[in-house]
Amino acid sequence: MTTPHDHVARIQAEWRQERPDLDVHPQGVIGRLHRLSGFLTEELCTVYRRFGLGEGDFDVLATLRRAGAPYERAPGELARFTMVTTGAITKRIDRLEKAGLVVRSVRADDGRGRVVGLTAAGKSLIDQAFTEHMKNERRLLDALSAEDAAQLERLLTVWLRNFETPDHTR
């Protein structure tokens, strides 16, 4: 179901004109997903900014929060669960630590290991931000019927399996 005058449809029409030898149908899906991703990211970041957070900050705090009490993870785990480099995680942790939202400490069960944990302020902030995040995601998804949303989720799940390995699903 394509709106004939959306941005991607116009691009496809131009390519069909200029390169009739190529099948531009894949562009209809990939192009729309790419554009939608940009719009959705901006809508999500609007909520994060209300709490003084960037997308990466939210991701780190959420990863710590969903770890369960005592809301700690090793820096390497944070990097793996947020799918960024350890260098990027270090910068995020530094920023969040300066803001009083996380603290670095020695792992209780192994004096050699380090962990990053939520402070009380960090837990409170991510709980508030995540509540608003879920309301925002509900608002965004409500543009689709429940049936369409369920079908889209199934399709994306199947497709994503082609790119993700089991250890990168968190």
C-alpha atoms as a PDB file:
ATOM      1  CA  MET A   1       0.000   0.000   0.000  1.00  0.00           C
ATOM      2  CA  THR A   2       1.961   2.957  -1.299  1.00  0.00           C
ATOM      3  CA  THR A   3       1.049   6.598  -1.193  1.00  0.00           C
ATOM      4  CA  PRO A   4       1.892   7.685  -4.735  1.00  0.00           C
ATOM      5  CA  HIS A   5       3.286  11.031  -3.681  1.00  0.00           C
ATOM      6  CA  ASP A   6       5.488  10.193  -0.726  1.00  0.00           C
ATOM      7  CA  HIS A   7       9.186  10.993  -0.904  1.00  0.00           C
ATOM      8  CA  VAL A   8      10.298   7.424  -1.640  1.00  0.00           C
ATOM      9  CA  ALA A   9       7.673   6.945  -4.362  1.00  0.00           C
ATOM     10  CA  ARG A  10       8.937  10.084  -6.099  1.00  0.00           C
ATOM     11  CA  ILE A  11      12.519   8.823  -5.938  1.00  0.00           C
ATOM     12  CA  GLN A  12      11.466   5.438  -7.300  1.00  0.00           C
ATOM     13  CA  ALA A  13       9.560   7.095 -10.159  1.00  0.00           C
ATOM     14  CA  GLU A  14      12.646   9.115 -11.067  1.00  0.00           C
ATOM     15  CA  TRP A  15      14.857   6.024 -11.031  1.00  0.00           C
ATOM     16  CA  ARG A  16      12.338   4.082 -13.105  1.00  0.00           C
ATOM     17  CA  GLN A  17      12.509   6.892 -15.638  1.00  0.00           C
ATOM     18  CA  GLU A  18      16.301   7.084 -15.643  1.00  0.00           C
ATOM     19  CA  ARG A  19      17.135   3.399 -15.109  1.00  0.00           C
ATOM     20  CA  PRO A  20      14.234   1.266 -16.363  1.00  0.00           C
ATOM     21  CA  ASP A  21      16.650  -1.672 -16.471  1.00  0.00           C
ATOM     22  CA  LEU A  22      16.781  -1.828 -12.642  1.00  0.00           C
ATOM     23  CA  ASP A  23      14.192  -3.147 -10.212  1.00  0.00           C
ATOM     24  CA  VAL A  24      13.684  -0.350  -7.682  1.00  0.00           C
ATOM     25  CA  HIS A  25      11.032  -2.175  -5.620  1.00  0.00           C
ATOM     26  CA  PRO A  26      13.461  -2.864  -2.749  1.00  0.00           C
ATOM     27  CA  GLN A  27      13.858   0.882  -2.372  1.00  0.00           C
ATOM     28  CA  GLY A  28      10.194   1.078  -1.423  1.00  0.00           C
ATOM     29  CA  VAL A  29      10.802  -0.926   1.747  1.00  0.00           C
ATOM     30  CA  ILE A  30      14.381   0.039   2.573  1.00  0.00           C
ATOM     31  CA  GLY A  31      13.909   3.727   1.757  1.00  0.00           C
ATOM     32  CA  ARG A  32      10.762   4.008   3.839  1.00  0.00           C
ATOM     33  CA  LEU A  33      12.352   2.168   6.778  1.00  0.00           C
ATOM     34  CA  HIS A  34      15.360   4.458   6.567  1.00  0.00           C
ATOM     35  CA  ARG A  35      13.232   7.613   6.502  1.00  0.00           C
ATOM     36  CA  LEU A  36      10.930   6.310   9.225  1.00  0.00           C
ATOM     37  CA  SER A  37      13.928   5.506  11.407  1.00  0.00           C
ATOM     38  CA  GLY A  38      15.042   9.124  11.230  1.00  0.00           C
ATOM     39  CA  PHE A  39      11.596  10.440  12.122  1.00  0.00           C
ATOM     40  CA  LEU A  40      11.180   7.940  14.966  1.00  0.00           C
ATOM     41  CA  THR A  41      14.633   8.671  16.382  1.00  0.00           C
ATOM     42  CA  GLU A  42      13.821  12.377  16.532  1.00  0.00           C
ATOM     43  CA  GLU A  43      10.485  11.674  18.238  1.00  0.00           C
ATOM     44  CA  LEU A  44      12.203   9.434  20.797  1.00  0.00           C
ATOM     45  CA  CYS A  45      15.029  11.893  21.445  1.00  0.00           C
ATOM     46  CA  THR A  46      12.488  14.621  22.185  1.00  0.00           C
ATOM     47  CA  VAL A  47      11.452  12.682  25.281  1.00  0.00           C
ATOM     48  CA  TYR A  48      15.045  11.943  26.297  1.00  0.00           C
ATOM     49  CA  ARG A  49      15.928  15.649  26.087  1.00  0.00           C
ATOM     50  CA  ARG A  50      13.079  16.504  28.476  1.00  0.00           C
ATOM     51  CA  PHE A  51      15.019  14.550  31.070  1.00  0.00           C
ATOM     52  CA  GLY A  52      18.376  16.080  30.142  1.00  0.00           C
ATOM     53  CA  LEU A  53      19.514  12.915  28.392  1.00  0.00           C
ATOM     54  CA  GLY A  54      20.889  12.082  24.994  1.00  0.00           C
ATOM     55  CA  GLU A  55      20.020   8.860  23.204  1.00  0.00           C
ATOM     56  CA  GLY A  56      23.226   7.169  24.407  1.00  0.00           C
ATOM     57  CA  ASP A  57      22.726   8.317  27.993  1.00  0.00           C
ATOM     58  CA  PHE A  58      19.195   6.930  28.009  1.00  0.00           C
ATOM     59  CA  ASP A  59      20.491   3.647  26.583  1.00  0.00           C
ATOM     60  CA  VAL A  60      23.123   3.232  29.319  1.00  0.00           C
ATOM     61  CA  LEU A  61      20.723   4.108  32.150  1.00  0.00           C
ATOM     62  CA  ALA A  62      18.038   1.797  30.733  1.00  0.00           C
ATOM     63  CA  THR A  63      20.557  -1.044  30.369  1.00  0.00           C
ATOM     64  CA  LEU A  64      21.568  -0.652  34.015  1.00  0.00           C
ATOM     65  CA  ARG A  65      17.969  -0.402  35.203  1.00  0.00           C
ATOM     66  CA  ARG A  66      16.794  -3.536  33.428  1.00  0.00           C
ATOM     67  CA  ALA A  67      19.719  -5.475  34.921  1.00  0.00           C
ATOM     68  CA  GLY A  68      17.725  -5.570  38.155  1.00  0.00           C
ATOM     69  CA  ALA A  69      18.980  -4.839  41.645  1.00  0.00           C
ATOM     70  CA  PRO A  70      21.671  -3.782  42.368  1.00  0.00           C
ATOM     71  CA  TYR A  71      21.448  -2.160  38.873  1.00  0.00           C
ATOM     72  CA  GLU A  72      25.061  -2.800  37.932  1.00  0.00           C
ATOM     73  CA  ARG A  73      26.943  -4.052  34.918  1.00  0.00           C
ATOM     74  CA  ALA A  74      30.593  -4.269  33.992  1.00  0.00           C
ATOM     75  CA  PRO A  75      31.678  -1.679  31.423  1.00  0.00           C
ATOM     76  CA  GLY A  76      32.236  -4.455  28.863  1.00  0.00           C
ATOM     77  CA  GLU A  77      28.678  -5.692  29.388  1.00  0.00           C
ATOM     78  CA  LEU A  78      27.368  -2.175  28.900  1.00  0.00           C
ATOM     79  CA  ALA A  79      29.262  -1.938  25.629  1.00  0.00           C
ATOM     80  CA  ARG A  80      27.859  -5.276  24.453  1.00  0.00           C
ATOM     81  CA  PHE A  81      24.267  -4.603  25.536  1.00  0.00           C
ATOM     82  CA  THR A  82      24.236  -1.130  23.995  1.00  0.00           C
ATOM     83  CA  MET A  83      26.213  -2.262  20.941  1.00  0.00           C
ATOM     84  CA  VAL A  84      28.776   0.538  21.031  1.00  0.00           C
ATOM     85  CA  THR A  85      32.528   0.493  21.574  1.00  0.00           C
ATOM     86  CA  THR A  86      34.061   0.436  25.026  1.00  0.00           C
ATOM     87  CA  GLY A  87      35.533   3.866  24.258  1.00  0.00           C
ATOM     88  CA  ALA A  88      32.074   5.286  23.591  1.00  0.00           C
ATOM     89  CA  ILE A  89      30.755   3.649  26.758  1.00  0.00           C
ATOM     90  CA  THR A  90      33.571   5.214  28.790  1.00  0.00           C
ATOM     91  CA  LYS A  91      32.604   8.682  27.567  1.00  0.00           C
ATOM     92  CA  ARG A  92      28.932   8.055  28.363  1.00  0.00           C
ATOM     93  CA  ILE A  93      29.771   6.730  31.816  1.00  0.00           C
ATOM     94  CA  ASP A  94      32.019   9.733  32.489  1.00  0.00           C
ATOM     95  CA  ARG A  95      29.187  12.111  31.563  1.00  0.00           C
ATOM     96  CA  LEU A  96      26.597  10.210  33.612  1.00  0.00           C
ATOM     97  CA  GLU A  97      28.947   9.962  36.598  1.00  0.00           C
ATOM     98  CA  LYS A  98      29.559  13.728  36.550  1.00  0.00           C
ATOM     99  CA  ALA A  99      25.772  14.192  36.547  1.00  0.00           C
ATOM    100  CA  GLY A 100      25.484  11.950  39.637  1.00  0.00           C
ATOM    101  CA  LEU A 101      23.427   9.323  37.804  1.00  0.00           C
ATOM    102  CA  VAL A 102      25.918   6.437  37.895  1.00  0.00           C
ATOM    103  CA  VAL A 103      28.870   5.444  40.036  1.00  0.00           C
ATOM    104  CA  ARG A 104      31.880   3.255  39.292  1.00  0.00           C
ATOM    105  CA  SER A 105      32.845   0.740  41.965  1.00  0.00           C
ATOM    106  CA  VAL A 106      34.737  -2.482  42.575  1.00  0.00           C
ATOM    107  CA  ARG A 107      32.735  -5.639  41.915  1.00  0.00           C
ATOM    108  CA  ALA A 108      31.588  -7.069  45.249  1.00  0.00           C
ATOM    109  CA  ASP A 109      32.241 -10.705  44.281  1.00  0.00           C
ATOM    110  CA  ASP A 110      35.624  -9.998  42.661  1.00  0.00           C
ATOM    111  CA  GLY A 111      37.850  -7.210  43.970  1.00  0.00           C
ATOM    112  CA  ARG A 112      39.614  -6.972  40.600  1.00  0.00           C
ATOM    113  CA  GLY A 113      36.521  -6.243  38.506  1.00  0.00           C
ATOM    114  CA  ARG A 114      34.849  -2.875  38.068  1.00  0.00           C
ATOM    115  CA  VAL A 115      31.141  -2.222  37.709  1.00  0.00           C
ATOM    116  CA  VAL A 116      28.982   0.749  36.867  1.00  0.00           C
ATOM    117  CA  GLY A 117      25.808   1.140  38.874  1.00  0.00           C
ATOM    118  CA  LEU A 118      22.846   3.449  39.029  1.00  0.00           C
ATOM    119  CA  THR A 119      22.712   5.936  41.857  1.00  0.00           C
ATOM    120  CA  ALA A 120      19.371   6.603  43.533  1.00  0.00           C
ATOM    121  CA  ALA A 121      19.083   9.734  41.376  1.00  0.00           C
ATOM    122  CA  GLY A 122      19.896   7.716  38.253  1.00  0.00           C
ATOM    123  CA  LYS A 123      17.299   5.082  39.061  1.00  0.00           C
ATOM    124  CA  SER A 124      14.668   7.708  39.741  1.00  0.00           C
ATOM    125  CA  LEU A 125      15.475   9.554  36.512  1.00  0.00           C
ATOM    126  CA  ILE A 126      15.448   6.468  34.280  1.00  0.00           C
ATOM    127  CA  ASP A 127      12.201   5.249  35.850  1.00  0.00           C
ATOM    128  CA  GLN A 128      10.543   8.574  35.023  1.00  0.00           C
ATOM    129  CA  ALA A 129      12.124   8.804  31.573  1.00  0.00           C
ATOM    130  CA  PHE A 130      11.244   5.214  30.681  1.00  0.00           C
ATOM    131  CA  THR A 131       7.623   5.733  31.696  1.00  0.00           C
ATOM    132  CA  GLU A 132       7.415   8.729  29.351  1.00  0.00           C
ATOM    133  CA  HIS A 133       9.344   6.820  26.679  1.00  0.00           C
ATOM    134  CA  MET A 134       6.766   4.022  26.709  1.00  0.00           C
ATOM    135  CA  LYS A 135       3.904   6.546  26.487  1.00  0.00           C
ATOM    136  CA  ASN A 136       5.658   8.134  23.524  1.00  0.00           C
ATOM    137  CA  GLU A 137       6.226   4.795  21.791  1.00  0.00           C
ATOM    138  CA  ARG A 138       2.549   3.941  22.327  1.00  0.00           C
ATOM    139  CA  ARG A 139       1.584   7.291  20.765  1.00  0.00           C
ATOM    140  CA  LEU A 140       3.817   6.628  17.772  1.00  0.00           C
ATOM    141  CA  LEU A 141       2.584   3.065  17.277  1.00  0.00           C
ATOM    142  CA  ASP A 142      -1.052   4.121  17.571  1.00  0.00           C
ATOM    143  CA  ALA A 143      -0.748   5.429  13.996  1.00  0.00           C
ATOM    144  CA  LEU A 144      -1.209   1.742  13.046  1.00  0.00           C
ATOM    145  CA  SER A 145      -4.080  -0.574  13.833  1.00  0.00           C
ATOM    146  CA  ALA A 146      -3.353  -3.243  16.437  1.00  0.00           C
ATOM    147  CA  GLU A 147      -3.409  -5.876  13.685  1.00  0.00           C
ATOM    148  CA  ASP A 148      -1.007  -3.927  11.466  1.00  0.00           C
ATOM    149  CA  ALA A 149       1.348  -3.296  14.400  1.00  0.00           C
ATOM    150  CA  ALA A 150       1.369  -7.015  15.279  1.00  0.00           C
ATOM    151  CA  GLN A 151       2.001  -7.988  11.661  1.00  0.00           C
ATOM    152  CA  LEU A 152       4.789  -5.431  11.341  1.00  0.00           C
ATOM    153  CA  GLU A 153       6.398  -6.708  14.531  1.00  0.00           C
ATOM    154  CA  ARG A 154       6.318 -10.284  13.218  1.00  0.00           C
ATOM    155  CA  LEU A 155       7.829  -9.284   9.868  1.00  0.00           C
ATOM    156  CA  LEU A 156      10.564  -7.170  11.423  1.00  0.00           C
ATOM    157  CA  THR A 157      11.405  -9.943  13.899  1.00  0.00           C
ATOM    158  CA  VAL A 158      11.879 -12.437  11.076  1.00  0.00           C
ATOM    159  CA  TRP A 159      13.932 -10.000   9.021  1.00  0.00           C
ATOM    160  CA  LEU A 160      16.110  -8.900  11.958  1.00  0.00           C
ATOM    161  CA  ARG A 161      17.125 -12.506  12.612  1.00  0.00           C
ATOM    162  CA  ASN A 162      19.140 -12.312   9.386  1.00  0.00           C
ATOM    163  CA  PHE A 163      21.345  -9.608  10.894  1.00  0.00           C
ATOM    164  CA  GLU A 164      21.505 -10.284  14.627  1.00  0.00           C
ATOM    165  CA  THR A 165      23.343 -13.086  16.272  1.00  0.00           C
ATOM    166  CA  PRO A 166      21.874 -14.620  19.441  1.00  0.00           C
ATOM    167  CA  ASP A 167      24.410 -12.867  21.699  1.00  0.00           C
ATOM    168  CA  HIS A 168      23.383  -9.431  20.362  1.00  0.00           C
ATOM    169  CA  THR A 169      19.661  -9.648  21.120  1.00  0.00           C
ATOM    170  CA  ARG A 170      19.582  -7.793  24.441  1.00  0.00           C
END
